[in-house]
Structure formats: structure tokens, C-alpha cells
Amino acid sequence: MSDSSVSRCPFLDPAGSALHAEAAGLREQGPAVWVELPGGVRAWSVTRYAVIQALTTDPRVSRDHRLHWPGAADVPEGWVLGPVAFQDSFVNQYGAEHRASRGRLGPTFLPRRVELMRPRVQATADRLVGALGALGPGESTDLRLALSRPLTLTVICDLFGVPEELRDALCEVIDSVLDSSLDEGAALAAQVELNERLSELLAHKRAHPAPDLTSDLLLSDRPGERPLSDQELIGTLFTMITGGFETAVNLITSAVFELLTHPEELAKVRTGGTGWADVIEETLRVEGPVMHVPLRYAVEDIDLGEGVLIRKGDPIIIGFAAAGRDPRVHPDRPDVFDPARPDKSHLAFGYGPHFCVGAPLARLETEIALSTLFERLPALALAEPGGTPARLPSMIINGPAVLDVVPHPEGAAR
């Protein structure tokens, strides 16, 4: 890397205020672009669909900072991206170790097993949409807080046996940890609190084992499987609980926003012209719920062409939500929401060995949330039509921070 290249190194906005515009600019600069992250960390940003596919399936790329990132020791304490980059769980393991660890939880989220959760998810959606329906004419509410978040939080916390009294606090601290706009002091405080909350959960499950996934992790006795350390348990719980609700929260909220701002597309769903699966996949393409995932590392030199050589030990940050808008894959209006488009290819759930194990659950939750919401509240509208909701202050996750809606607009029939 030349001195001139370093001096031109763009800075990724930690608050994610314009994620797609930022990614589009990087995409056109090359297959990978040297960027500066919070804390002065530099990494290769990858936002092209084909390059993301290639690197996420390349054995020369690792997520294990312990083995493959010499620069990890220089990262400042309280690094705002640390909870994801340094989490001690299967997602940051490499090769055979990753495959073995992933096998502990992967089977739970197979599509056929997820489908068995449908009645429970539907019952929760019915309750939450019923509460929305009880609002009076003209009353507004934040759909993210009223439906998207409590639905997905309930489902994942039920799966992992999180007691009711711990749920809200755990949800709040996870939101804080994913706020990459925090300064180092606030980020460190959030990380400490996250560790405390998940330690509370482990202590509770040790005292009150039950048929849930946390108890399974604690009591695993499969032949040849070593027990997880407390830090590995905490890292795994953070990975699964965060991925299990943050992704679906943003997917549901973004899908509702797209439908309410594209009433012609909602009309097509109502008449059967397109289906909920079309809406979900197109939302995943145009508004993937996860943008930058820190980090991966080059196990050896990787030549991407176009004059880009990623050196052994260099960190890499993948822009998964950028892939769906790559005009090389979607030359026809890549930034436009169109559920009827024949090709809705995206990489919103990742690709390769680290593909999100919770993808079937997120799709199920979103399908149930959307169908229940729009069938029971057919007059649902945005509280401020034409407005643009504030975005989450994060370069990691992507979605509206708030989505104010009116279940029963004044004058609409009930």
C-alpha cells in the first residue's frame, strides 16, 4: 500500500447516515477499497456482489482474529466494532473449528424445524397486531417498537429461554452495542453491560435448566464435544440472540416502509399478482438488514485484479447489503423496490460457510408479520407520508430507527 493510497483512504461513516450512497461510491472504485474504520483501524471494503461471493468462500479468508490478524493487538480498548469483530463464538472461528461449533446450533434452524415454530410466531403476531388495531382513529405508533421488535425478541428469547425480567434490558444493551457511532467510553460501557447481562442469563439457566437452547449449550454432552467456556457461551449467545432479532426487526420494518411508500406494490400483493415471498426477497435485496460485518482477514496474499492486492494479515470488511444493489448483477433500476422483478438475487444473509443460520426464521417471522399486519389493518398508513424515517446509527445494521404509522387513519372505514 503506497503512502498516496493511504492518504486518500476514505473514512466509513460510523453512524451509517448514507450507507447505500457510500457503498455505491466504493463499489465503483474497485473490487476492494482501503478504508478507515472507527478507532483508526484500516481495512479493505468489499461491496461488489461477485467479489463478496468469491471472498466469503475462499479458504484464504478467515474470521479468526486470533490466528490471522496481527494488527488486533493495536486496536484501542472499547473499540466500537469489537463486540462483533472479537466475539468469542463460532462465527469468528476458522475451518474445521468453525464447522464443528456451528453444528451445535445449525440443526435448530433448519427450514423444517423453523416451520414448526409457525403457530407460536403467529400467536405473538396476532397479539401485537391486535394491540395496534385497538388504537383509535388517527392515533399513531412506532411500528418498530409495537410489532417488529417485540415479535422477533419474543421468538428468539423463547428459543433461548431468556426470562421475561431480562429481556428488555438485554435488548436495549444489544441495540447500544450495535450503535457504531458511540465514542470509545460509551462503547466500552455498553460492552461491559452486555457481558453482565449475558452472564446473568447463564447464571439463571444454570439454576433453572429447561428445554431451551441456552440449557442445551450448557448441558451439551455429545460424544467428543468439549464444553464451552463462559466466554464462548457469552459470545455464542450474543451471536444468536442478536442475529435472531436484529436482522428480522430491520427486515420487517423496512418491508412495511417499502410497501407503504409503494402502494401499487401492496395492491399487487392484495390481488395475488405478487406474493409475500417476493416482497421479502426484494426487501432483502434493496434494504439488506446487515451492511458491514467486521471483520475478515487474509490468510495469504489475495490478488483481486484491477491493481488490488490484499496482503496476508490485512483485515477485510464485507458490505453485504451493498451486494443487492450492484448494477453488475441488477442493471435494471438496482435502487428501486420492485417485488415483481424476476431476479432478486442478494447476499443479505451472507454467503458460504458463514451463511446466517437464522435466515429461515427471519423469513418466517417477516412473512407472518406482513400478512397479519396488512390483512387485519388494511388502511394502515404512514403517519408522515413522504417523510424519510431516521436511520439506525450504525454501520453494521441497516434499517429505520423509527417507523410511525397510523393503523386507522381519520375517515378510513374500520
Protein backbone atom coordinates (compact mmCIF):
# COMPACT_ATOMS: atom_id res chain seq x y z
CA MET A 1 0.00 0.00 0.00
CA SER A 2 1.60 3.26 -1.10
CA ASP A 3 1.69 6.39 1.03
CA SER A 4 -0.50 8.19 -1.51
CA SER A 5 -3.13 5.44 -1.29
CA VAL A 6 -3.18 5.66 2.49
CA SER A 7 -3.56 9.45 2.37
CA ARG A 8 -6.63 9.07 0.13
CA CYS A 9 -8.13 6.40 2.36
CA PRO A 10 -11.86 7.19 2.76
CA PHE A 11 -13.44 7.07 6.21
CA LEU A 12 -16.53 4.87 6.59
CA ASP A 13 -19.23 6.80 8.42
CA PRO A 14 -19.70 5.07 11.82
CA ALA A 15 -23.27 6.39 12.05
CA GLY A 16 -24.21 4.87 8.69
CA SER A 17 -26.10 8.01 7.68
CA ALA A 18 -25.94 7.20 3.94
CA LEU A 19 -24.96 3.54 3.75
CA HIS A 20 -26.09 2.86 0.18
CA ALA A 21 -24.61 6.02 -1.32
CA GLU A 22 -21.35 5.34 0.49
CA ALA A 23 -21.27 1.74 -0.74
CA ALA A 24 -22.07 2.77 -4.32
CA GLY A 25 -19.10 5.11 -4.34
CA LEU A 26 -16.78 2.42 -3.01
CA ARG A 27 -18.12 -0.17 -5.44
CA GLU A 28 -17.11 1.92 -8.41
CA GLN A 29 -13.58 2.48 -7.13
CA GLY A 30 -12.53 -1.15 -7.39
CA PRO A 31 -13.07 -4.75 -6.23
CA ALA A 32 -11.79 -3.70 -2.78
CA VAL A 33 -11.02 -0.25 -1.40
CA TRP A 34 -8.70 0.57 1.52
CA VAL A 35 -10.86 2.46 4.08
CA GLU A 36 -10.54 3.77 7.61
CA LEU A 37 -12.88 2.42 10.29
CA PRO A 38 -13.59 3.85 13.75
CA GLY A 39 -10.59 3.72 16.06
CA GLY A 40 -8.15 4.38 13.24
CA VAL A 41 -8.36 0.77 12.01
CA ARG A 42 -7.85 0.34 8.26
CA ALA A 43 -9.42 -2.45 6.24
CA TRP A 44 -10.35 -3.45 2.71
CA SER A 45 -14.02 -2.60 1.98
CA VAL A 46 -15.72 -5.01 -0.42
CA THR A 47 -19.11 -4.07 -1.86
CA ARG A 48 -19.33 -5.88 -5.22
CA TYR A 49 -21.59 -8.94 -5.41
CA ALA A 50 -19.15 -11.24 -7.21
CA VAL A 51 -16.19 -10.26 -5.05
CA ILE A 52 -18.20 -10.85 -1.86
CA GLN A 53 -19.14 -14.30 -3.14
CA ALA A 54 -15.54 -15.08 -4.01
CA LEU A 55 -14.01 -13.93 -0.73
CA THR A 56 -16.63 -15.49 1.55
CA THR A 57 -15.99 -18.91 0.00
CA ASP A 58 -12.20 -18.55 -0.26
CA PRO A 59 -10.23 -20.63 2.29
CA ARG A 60 -7.59 -17.89 2.16
CA VAL A 61 -10.03 -15.66 4.09
CA SER A 62 -10.65 -16.14 7.82
CA ARG A 63 -12.78 -14.55 10.54
CA ASP A 64 -10.45 -15.66 13.33
CA HIS A 65 -8.56 -12.58 14.55
CA ARG A 66 -6.54 -14.71 16.97
CA LEU A 67 -4.97 -16.69 14.14
CA HIS A 68 -4.95 -14.29 11.22
CA TRP A 69 -4.96 -10.61 12.25
CA PRO A 70 -1.59 -9.43 13.56
CA GLY A 71 -2.99 -5.91 13.98
CA ALA A 72 -5.61 -6.97 16.53
CA ALA A 73 -3.26 -6.13 19.40
CA ASP A 74 -3.15 -2.49 18.30
CA VAL A 75 -6.91 -1.92 18.45
CA PRO A 76 -7.93 0.54 21.21
CA GLU A 77 -9.80 -0.73 24.28
CA GLY A 78 -13.52 -0.20 23.86
CA TRP A 79 -13.26 -0.34 20.06
CA VAL A 80 -16.82 0.23 18.92
CA LEU A 81 -16.67 -2.65 16.40
CA GLY A 82 -15.06 -5.01 18.91
CA PRO A 83 -18.21 -6.83 20.10
CA VAL A 84 -18.74 -8.19 16.59
CA ALA A 85 -15.13 -8.47 15.43
CA PHE A 86 -13.85 -10.04 18.65
CA GLN A 87 -16.85 -12.04 19.87
CA ASP A 88 -15.73 -15.44 21.10
CA SER A 89 -18.14 -17.62 19.16
CA PHE A 90 -18.34 -19.91 16.16
CA VAL A 91 -18.75 -17.01 13.73
CA ASN A 92 -15.18 -15.92 14.41
CA GLN A 93 -13.65 -19.34 14.05
CA TYR A 94 -11.88 -20.81 11.03
CA GLY A 95 -12.09 -24.03 9.10
CA ALA A 96 -12.83 -27.26 10.94
CA GLU A 97 -13.21 -25.47 14.29
CA HIS A 98 -15.94 -23.27 12.80
CA ARG A 99 -17.75 -26.21 11.22
CA ALA A 100 -17.78 -28.18 14.47
CA SER A 101 -19.01 -25.25 16.55
CA ARG A 102 -21.68 -24.24 14.04
CA GLY A 103 -23.01 -27.79 14.21
CA ARG A 104 -24.16 -27.21 17.80
CA LEU A 105 -26.87 -24.76 16.74
CA GLY A 106 -27.32 -25.10 12.99
CA PRO A 107 -29.81 -28.00 13.08
CA THR A 108 -32.24 -25.98 15.21
CA PHE A 109 -32.72 -23.52 12.36
CA LEU A 110 -33.25 -25.97 9.51
CA PRO A 111 -36.32 -24.92 7.47
CA ARG A 112 -38.41 -27.93 8.55
CA ARG A 113 -37.75 -27.20 12.22
CA VAL A 114 -38.38 -23.50 11.82
CA GLU A 115 -41.75 -24.26 10.23
CA LEU A 116 -42.77 -25.95 13.48
CA MET A 117 -42.44 -22.54 15.15
CA ARG A 118 -45.16 -21.04 12.94
CA PRO A 119 -48.05 -21.38 15.41
CA ARG A 120 -46.06 -19.67 18.18
CA VAL A 121 -44.91 -16.86 15.89
CA GLN A 122 -48.45 -16.42 14.56
CA ALA A 123 -49.91 -16.20 18.06
CA THR A 124 -47.41 -13.48 19.00
CA ALA A 125 -48.13 -11.56 15.79
CA ASP A 126 -51.88 -11.82 16.40
CA ARG A 127 -51.48 -10.34 19.87
CA LEU A 128 -49.27 -7.47 18.75
CA VAL A 129 -51.33 -6.58 15.67
CA GLY A 130 -54.44 -6.78 17.84
CA ALA A 131 -52.96 -4.11 20.09
CA LEU A 132 -52.26 -1.96 17.04
CA GLY A 133 -55.83 -2.43 15.91
CA ALA A 134 -57.12 -1.20 19.26
CA LEU A 135 -55.72 2.29 18.64
CA GLY A 136 -58.25 4.96 17.88
CA PRO A 137 -58.77 6.80 14.58
CA GLY A 138 -55.77 8.99 13.78
CA GLU A 139 -53.61 7.59 16.60
CA SER A 140 -50.04 6.79 15.58
CA THR A 141 -47.42 4.42 16.93
CA ASP A 142 -43.88 3.33 16.12
CA LEU A 143 -44.21 0.06 14.23
CA ARG A 144 -40.64 -0.93 15.10
CA LEU A 145 -41.45 -0.80 18.83
CA ALA A 146 -45.03 -2.03 18.53
CA LEU A 147 -44.54 -5.02 16.21
CA SER A 148 -41.13 -5.69 14.64
CA ARG A 149 -39.05 -5.67 17.80
CA PRO A 150 -41.38 -7.39 20.30
CA LEU A 151 -42.28 -10.10 17.79
CA THR A 152 -38.72 -11.08 16.98
CA LEU A 153 -37.46 -10.55 20.51
CA THR A 154 -40.18 -12.82 21.90
CA VAL A 155 -39.42 -15.59 19.43
CA ILE A 156 -35.63 -15.63 19.96
CA CYS A 157 -35.87 -15.19 23.74
CA ASP A 158 -38.36 -18.06 23.95
CA LEU A 159 -35.93 -20.23 21.98
CA PHE A 160 -33.03 -19.41 24.29
CA GLY A 161 -35.05 -19.40 27.50
CA VAL A 162 -34.40 -15.75 28.37
CA PRO A 163 -36.62 -14.94 31.37
CA GLU A 164 -39.10 -12.08 30.98
CA GLU A 165 -37.32 -9.89 33.53
CA LEU A 166 -34.07 -9.92 31.50
CA ARG A 167 -35.48 -9.39 28.01
CA ASP A 168 -35.92 -5.64 27.75
CA ALA A 169 -32.56 -4.85 29.34
CA LEU A 170 -30.78 -7.35 27.09
CA CYS A 171 -32.50 -5.92 24.02
CA GLU A 172 -31.52 -2.36 24.99
CA VAL A 173 -27.86 -3.17 25.52
CA ILE A 174 -27.62 -5.10 22.24
CA ASP A 175 -29.00 -2.02 20.47
CA SER A 176 -26.32 0.06 22.20
CA VAL A 177 -23.52 -2.34 21.29
CA LEU A 178 -24.51 -2.16 17.61
CA ASP A 179 -24.52 1.66 17.67
CA SER A 180 -21.18 2.22 15.96
CA SER A 181 -21.46 5.99 16.38
CA LEU A 182 -20.61 5.70 20.11
CA ASP A 183 -17.31 7.05 21.40
CA GLU A 184 -14.86 4.62 22.98
CA GLY A 185 -16.02 5.33 26.55
CA ALA A 186 -19.69 4.73 25.81
CA ALA A 187 -18.85 1.70 23.65
CA LEU A 188 -16.79 0.14 26.43
CA ALA A 189 -19.59 0.73 28.95
CA ALA A 190 -22.07 -0.96 26.61
CA GLN A 191 -19.73 -3.92 26.14
CA VAL A 192 -19.31 -4.32 29.90
CA GLU A 193 -23.06 -4.21 30.40
CA LEU A 194 -23.62 -6.74 27.62
CA ASN A 195 -21.22 -9.15 29.33
CA GLU A 196 -23.06 -8.64 32.63
CA ARG A 197 -26.50 -9.25 31.10
CA LEU A 198 -25.44 -12.42 29.31
CA SER A 199 -23.65 -13.64 32.46
CA GLU A 200 -26.95 -13.13 34.30
CA LEU A 201 -28.66 -15.28 31.70
CA LEU A 202 -26.08 -18.06 32.09
CA ALA A 203 -26.40 -17.97 35.88
CA HIS A 204 -30.18 -18.14 35.62
CA LYS A 205 -30.10 -21.11 33.23
CA ARG A 206 -27.61 -22.98 35.38
CA ALA A 207 -30.00 -22.57 38.30
CA HIS A 208 -33.12 -23.18 36.22
CA PRO A 209 -32.35 -25.51 33.30
CA ALA A 210 -35.22 -26.00 30.86
CA PRO A 211 -35.87 -27.29 27.34
CA ASP A 212 -34.27 -24.31 25.57
CA LEU A 213 -31.13 -23.61 23.56
CA THR A 214 -29.17 -21.95 26.37
CA SER A 215 -29.66 -25.02 28.56
CA ASP A 216 -28.66 -27.20 25.62
CA LEU A 217 -25.40 -25.26 25.28
CA LEU A 218 -24.70 -25.63 28.99
CA LEU A 219 -25.57 -29.31 29.16
CA SER A 220 -24.25 -30.50 25.80
CA ASP A 221 -22.86 -33.99 26.19
CA ARG A 222 -22.49 -35.21 22.61
CA PRO A 223 -19.55 -37.61 22.20
CA GLY A 224 -16.29 -35.82 21.51
CA GLU A 225 -17.77 -32.36 22.06
CA ARG A 226 -15.89 -30.22 24.55
CA PRO A 227 -17.83 -27.95 26.92
CA LEU A 228 -17.83 -24.27 26.01
CA SER A 229 -16.08 -21.80 28.30
CA ASP A 230 -18.15 -19.00 29.80
CA GLN A 231 -16.70 -16.51 27.30
CA GLU A 232 -17.56 -18.83 24.43
CA LEU A 233 -21.07 -19.22 25.82
CA ILE A 234 -21.45 -15.45 26.12
CA GLY A 235 -20.13 -14.95 22.59
CA THR A 236 -22.45 -17.61 21.18
CA LEU A 237 -25.47 -16.15 22.98
CA PHE A 238 -24.61 -12.68 21.70
CA THR A 239 -24.27 -14.01 18.16
CA MET A 240 -27.51 -15.95 18.17
CA ILE A 241 -29.75 -13.58 20.12
CA THR A 242 -28.50 -10.52 18.23
CA GLY A 243 -28.73 -12.20 14.85
CA GLY A 244 -32.06 -13.73 15.81
CA PHE A 245 -33.83 -10.46 16.44
CA GLU A 246 -31.89 -7.50 15.00
CA THR A 247 -31.92 -8.90 11.47
CA ALA A 248 -35.63 -9.66 11.45
CA VAL A 249 -36.55 -6.38 13.20
CA ASN A 250 -34.93 -4.42 10.38
CA LEU A 251 -36.30 -6.68 7.66
CA ILE A 252 -39.89 -6.36 8.89
CA THR A 253 -39.68 -2.61 9.41
CA SER A 254 -38.04 -1.98 6.04
CA ALA A 255 -40.59 -4.17 4.23
CA VAL A 256 -43.51 -2.28 5.79
CA PHE A 257 -41.93 1.05 4.85
CA GLU A 258 -41.38 -0.08 1.25
CA LEU A 259 -44.98 -1.28 0.89
CA LEU A 260 -46.46 1.87 2.40
CA THR A 261 -44.36 4.06 0.12
CA HIS A 262 -45.16 1.89 -2.90
CA PRO A 263 -48.94 1.39 -2.64
CA GLU A 264 -49.06 -0.01 -6.16
CA GLU A 265 -46.87 -2.91 -4.99
CA LEU A 266 -49.06 -3.51 -1.96
CA ALA A 267 -52.08 -3.60 -4.28
CA LYS A 268 -50.38 -6.32 -6.34
CA VAL A 269 -49.92 -8.41 -3.20
CA ARG A 270 -53.58 -7.96 -2.27
CA THR A 271 -54.70 -9.14 -5.72
CA GLY A 272 -52.24 -12.05 -5.84
CA GLY A 273 -50.02 -10.53 -8.51
CA THR A 274 -47.02 -10.92 -6.25
CA GLY A 275 -46.58 -12.87 -3.04
CA TRP A 276 -45.15 -12.17 0.39
CA ALA A 277 -42.04 -14.14 -0.54
CA ASP A 278 -41.49 -11.73 -3.45
CA VAL A 279 -41.79 -8.75 -1.09
CA ILE A 280 -39.40 -10.30 1.42
CA GLU A 281 -36.71 -11.21 -1.12
CA GLU A 282 -36.91 -7.80 -2.79
CA THR A 283 -36.64 -6.06 0.58
CA LEU A 284 -33.60 -8.21 1.34
CA ARG A 285 -32.13 -7.15 -2.00
CA VAL A 286 -32.75 -3.42 -1.75
CA GLU A 287 -32.54 -2.95 2.04
CA GLY A 288 -30.48 -5.80 3.43
CA PRO A 289 -30.74 -5.62 7.24
CA VAL A 290 -26.99 -6.02 7.77
CA MET A 291 -24.44 -3.84 5.99
CA HIS A 292 -20.82 -4.03 7.11
CA VAL A 293 -19.75 -7.11 9.07
CA PRO A 294 -16.37 -6.70 10.79
CA LEU A 295 -14.04 -8.43 10.10
CA ARG A 296 -12.32 -10.99 7.93
CA TYR A 297 -8.58 -11.43 7.35
CA ALA A 298 -6.37 -12.57 4.51
CA VAL A 299 -4.65 -15.85 5.41
CA GLU A 300 -2.27 -15.26 2.50
CA ASP A 301 -1.90 -12.69 -0.28
CA ILE A 302 -5.01 -12.43 -2.49
CA ASP A 303 -4.84 -10.77 -5.91
CA LEU A 304 -8.27 -9.40 -6.88
CA GLY A 305 -7.11 -7.88 -10.15
CA GLU A 306 -7.56 -4.24 -11.19
CA GLY A 307 -4.36 -3.49 -9.29
CA VAL A 308 -5.76 -4.62 -5.91
CA LEU A 309 -3.63 -6.97 -3.82
CA ILE A 310 -4.85 -7.84 -0.34
CA ARG A 311 -1.80 -8.72 1.72
CA LYS A 312 -1.61 -11.55 4.24
CA GLY A 313 -2.95 -10.29 7.59
CA ASP A 314 -4.92 -7.39 6.09
CA PRO A 315 -8.44 -7.01 7.54
CA ILE A 316 -11.45 -7.06 5.21
CA ILE A 317 -14.94 -5.64 5.85
CA ILE A 318 -17.77 -7.02 3.72
CA GLY A 319 -20.75 -4.84 2.72
CA PHE A 320 -23.45 -7.49 2.42
CA ALA A 321 -26.36 -5.08 1.97
CA ALA A 322 -24.47 -3.41 -0.87
CA ALA A 323 -24.43 -6.58 -2.98
CA GLY A 324 -28.13 -6.49 -3.84
CA ARG A 325 -27.79 -3.06 -5.45
CA ASP A 326 -24.76 -3.94 -7.56
CA PRO A 327 -25.62 -2.83 -11.12
CA ARG A 328 -23.38 -5.59 -12.47
CA VAL A 329 -25.99 -8.05 -11.17
CA HIS A 330 -29.09 -5.84 -11.38
CA PRO A 331 -28.63 -3.42 -14.29
CA ASP A 332 -32.35 -2.57 -14.33
CA ARG A 333 -33.04 0.08 -11.63
CA PRO A 334 -30.89 -1.52 -8.91
CA ASP A 335 -32.02 1.02 -6.28
CA VAL A 336 -35.76 0.65 -6.98
CA PHE A 337 -38.07 -1.58 -4.92
CA ASP A 338 -39.78 -3.93 -7.39
CA PRO A 339 -41.05 -7.25 -5.98
CA ALA A 340 -42.08 -8.38 -9.47
CA ARG A 341 -38.54 -8.29 -10.88
CA PRO A 342 -37.60 -11.82 -11.97
CA ASP A 343 -34.10 -11.72 -10.45
CA LYS A 344 -33.98 -10.68 -6.80
CA SER A 345 -30.50 -12.05 -6.07
CA HIS A 346 -28.93 -10.73 -2.87
CA LEU A 347 -26.38 -11.66 -0.22
CA ALA A 348 -28.31 -10.20 2.71
CA PHE A 349 -27.80 -13.31 4.84
CA GLY A 350 -24.16 -13.73 3.88
CA TYR A 351 -22.68 -16.43 1.72
CA GLY A 352 -20.54 -19.53 2.05
CA PRO A 353 -19.62 -21.25 5.34
CA HIS A 354 -20.79 -18.28 7.43
CA PHE A 355 -24.24 -18.02 5.81
CA CYS A 356 -26.70 -16.94 8.51
CA VAL A 357 -28.18 -20.00 10.24
CA GLY A 358 -31.23 -17.92 11.25
CA ALA A 359 -32.27 -16.98 7.70
CA PRO A 360 -35.28 -19.37 7.60
CA LEU A 361 -36.56 -17.99 10.91
CA ALA A 362 -36.20 -14.36 9.77
CA ARG A 363 -38.13 -15.13 6.60
CA LEU A 364 -40.88 -16.91 8.55
CA GLU A 365 -41.24 -14.08 11.07
CA THR A 366 -41.39 -11.48 8.31
CA GLU A 367 -43.96 -13.38 6.28
CA ILE A 368 -46.22 -13.77 9.31
CA ALA A 369 -45.73 -10.16 10.43
CA LEU A 370 -46.53 -8.71 7.00
CA SER A 371 -49.50 -10.94 6.19
CA THR A 372 -51.07 -10.45 9.62
CA LEU A 373 -50.48 -6.69 9.66
CA PHE A 374 -51.86 -5.88 6.20
CA GLU A 375 -54.74 -8.35 6.33
CA ARG A 376 -56.01 -7.11 9.69
CA LEU A 377 -55.20 -3.42 9.20
CA PRO A 378 -55.94 -2.76 5.52
CA ALA A 379 -55.98 1.06 5.97
CA LEU A 380 -52.56 1.18 7.65
CA ALA A 381 -50.67 4.30 6.58
CA LEU A 382 -47.53 6.24 7.36
CA ALA A 383 -48.01 8.95 9.97
CA GLU A 384 -45.94 11.31 7.79
CA PRO A 385 -46.41 10.34 4.13
CA GLY A 386 -43.49 11.41 2.01
CA GLY A 387 -41.15 11.62 5.00
CA THR A 388 -37.92 9.70 5.39
CA PRO A 389 -37.52 7.94 8.74
CA ALA A 390 -34.30 8.35 10.69
CA ARG A 391 -31.84 5.52 10.18
CA LEU A 392 -30.24 3.42 12.89
CA PRO A 393 -26.91 4.96 13.97
CA SER A 394 -24.83 2.02 12.79
CA MET A 395 -22.52 0.98 10.01
CA ILE A 396 -23.25 -2.65 10.92
CA ILE A 397 -27.03 -2.91 10.79
CA ASN A 398 -29.34 -1.18 8.32
CA GLY A 399 -32.90 -0.09 8.88
CA PRO A 400 -35.26 2.66 10.05
CA ALA A 401 -34.72 3.68 13.68
CA VAL A 402 -38.42 4.50 13.91
CA LEU A 403 -41.45 4.00 11.65
CA ASP A 404 -44.51 5.93 12.79
CA VAL A 405 -47.73 4.51 11.36
CA VAL A 406 -51.45 5.13 11.74
CA PRO A 407 -53.44 1.88 11.92
CA HIS A 408 -56.76 3.68 11.40
CA PRO A 409 -56.41 6.97 9.51
CA GLU A 410 -59.13 9.55 10.14
CA GLY A 411 -62.08 8.83 7.90
CA ALA A 412 -60.98 5.31 6.95
CA ALA A 413 -63.53 2.53 7.35
CA ARG A 414 -62.93 0.05 10.16
